[in-house]
């Protein structure tokens, strides 16, 4: 799955937490953060600490897999034509 922004990552965290039957308080306890932190992270807070976000994702059985972005061939074709 491709995540484009903090809001999408937060929504994914929320869905996975609910799928595991965890409350925000449960997740907060596992990650050792406040429930308010979980609320902010699930809302896509852009200032959430990366290490804690990774811990929260791991707590709901998600991992981050980073891969190079592949250019859209159609877009490259159009841009190539425009460049001459």
Protein backbone atom coordinates (compact mmCIF):
# COMPACT_ATOMS: atom_id res chain seq x y z
CA UNK A 1 0.00 0.00 0.00
CA UNK A 2 1.26 3.44 -0.86
CA UNK A 3 0.81 6.09 1.83
CA UNK A 4 1.00 9.64 0.50
CA UNK A 5 0.74 11.69 3.69
CA UNK A 6 0.51 11.68 7.48
CA UNK A 7 -3.30 11.60 7.44
CA UNK A 8 -3.33 8.39 5.39
CA UNK A 9 -0.78 6.80 7.71
CA UNK A 10 -2.84 7.80 10.73
CA UNK A 11 -6.01 6.37 9.19
CA UNK A 12 -4.18 3.11 8.47
CA UNK A 13 -2.98 2.97 12.08
CA UNK A 14 -6.55 3.56 13.33
CA UNK A 15 -8.02 0.82 11.10
CA UNK A 16 -5.36 -1.69 12.11
CA UNK A 17 -5.83 -0.85 15.81
CA UNK A 18 -9.58 -1.36 15.56
CA UNK A 19 -9.13 -4.57 13.55
CA UNK A 20 -7.02 -5.92 16.42
CA UNK A 21 -9.77 -4.99 18.88
CA UNK A 22 -7.55 -2.47 20.66
CA UNK A 23 -8.70 0.79 22.18
CA UNK A 24 -6.65 3.95 21.92
CA UNK A 25 -5.79 3.40 25.58
CA UNK A 26 -4.57 -0.13 24.85
CA UNK A 27 -2.30 1.11 22.08
CA UNK A 28 -1.05 3.97 24.23
CA UNK A 29 -0.10 1.50 26.98
CA UNK A 30 1.79 -0.77 24.57
CA UNK A 31 3.73 2.11 22.99
CA UNK A 32 4.16 3.88 26.36
CA UNK A 33 2.57 7.13 25.20
CA UNK A 34 -0.54 9.05 26.22
CA UNK A 35 -3.95 8.40 24.71
CA UNK A 36 -3.76 11.98 23.41
CA UNK A 37 -0.64 11.03 21.45
CA UNK A 38 -2.52 8.12 19.84
CA UNK A 39 -5.43 10.43 18.97
CA UNK A 40 -3.01 12.90 17.34
CA UNK A 41 -1.10 10.18 15.48
CA UNK A 42 -4.32 8.67 14.14
CA UNK A 43 -5.39 12.15 13.00
CA UNK A 44 -2.15 12.46 11.01
CA UNK A 45 -0.19 14.81 13.25
CA UNK A 46 2.80 15.85 11.13
CA UNK A 47 4.97 16.31 14.23
CA UNK A 48 4.50 12.80 15.68
CA UNK A 49 7.88 11.27 16.52
CA UNK A 50 8.87 8.74 13.89
CA UNK A 51 10.20 6.20 16.38
CA UNK A 52 6.88 6.21 18.24
CA UNK A 53 4.87 5.97 15.03
CA UNK A 54 6.95 2.95 14.01
CA UNK A 55 6.39 1.41 17.46
CA UNK A 56 2.63 2.02 17.16
CA UNK A 57 2.52 0.45 13.70
CA UNK A 58 4.44 -2.56 14.95
CA UNK A 59 2.03 -2.90 17.88
CA UNK A 60 -0.83 -3.38 15.41
CA UNK A 61 1.20 -5.80 13.26
CA UNK A 62 2.16 -3.34 10.51
CA UNK A 63 5.65 -2.68 9.20
CA UNK A 64 7.02 0.02 6.92
CA UNK A 65 8.50 -1.13 3.63
CA UNK A 66 10.34 1.60 1.71
CA UNK A 67 10.81 1.27 -2.04
CA UNK A 68 11.96 3.61 -4.78
CA UNK A 69 9.18 5.54 -6.45
CA UNK A 70 8.63 4.34 -10.00
CA UNK A 71 7.84 7.06 -12.52
CA UNK A 72 4.53 6.86 -14.30
CA UNK A 73 5.39 5.86 -17.87
CA UNK A 74 2.46 7.78 -19.35
CA UNK A 75 3.46 10.93 -17.47
CA UNK A 76 7.07 10.55 -18.60
CA UNK A 77 5.88 10.18 -22.20
CA UNK A 78 3.86 13.39 -21.98
CA UNK A 79 6.67 15.28 -20.29
CA UNK A 80 9.14 14.00 -22.84
CA UNK A 81 6.98 15.31 -25.68
CA UNK A 82 6.59 18.67 -23.95
CA UNK A 83 10.35 18.99 -23.51
CA UNK A 84 10.77 18.52 -27.22
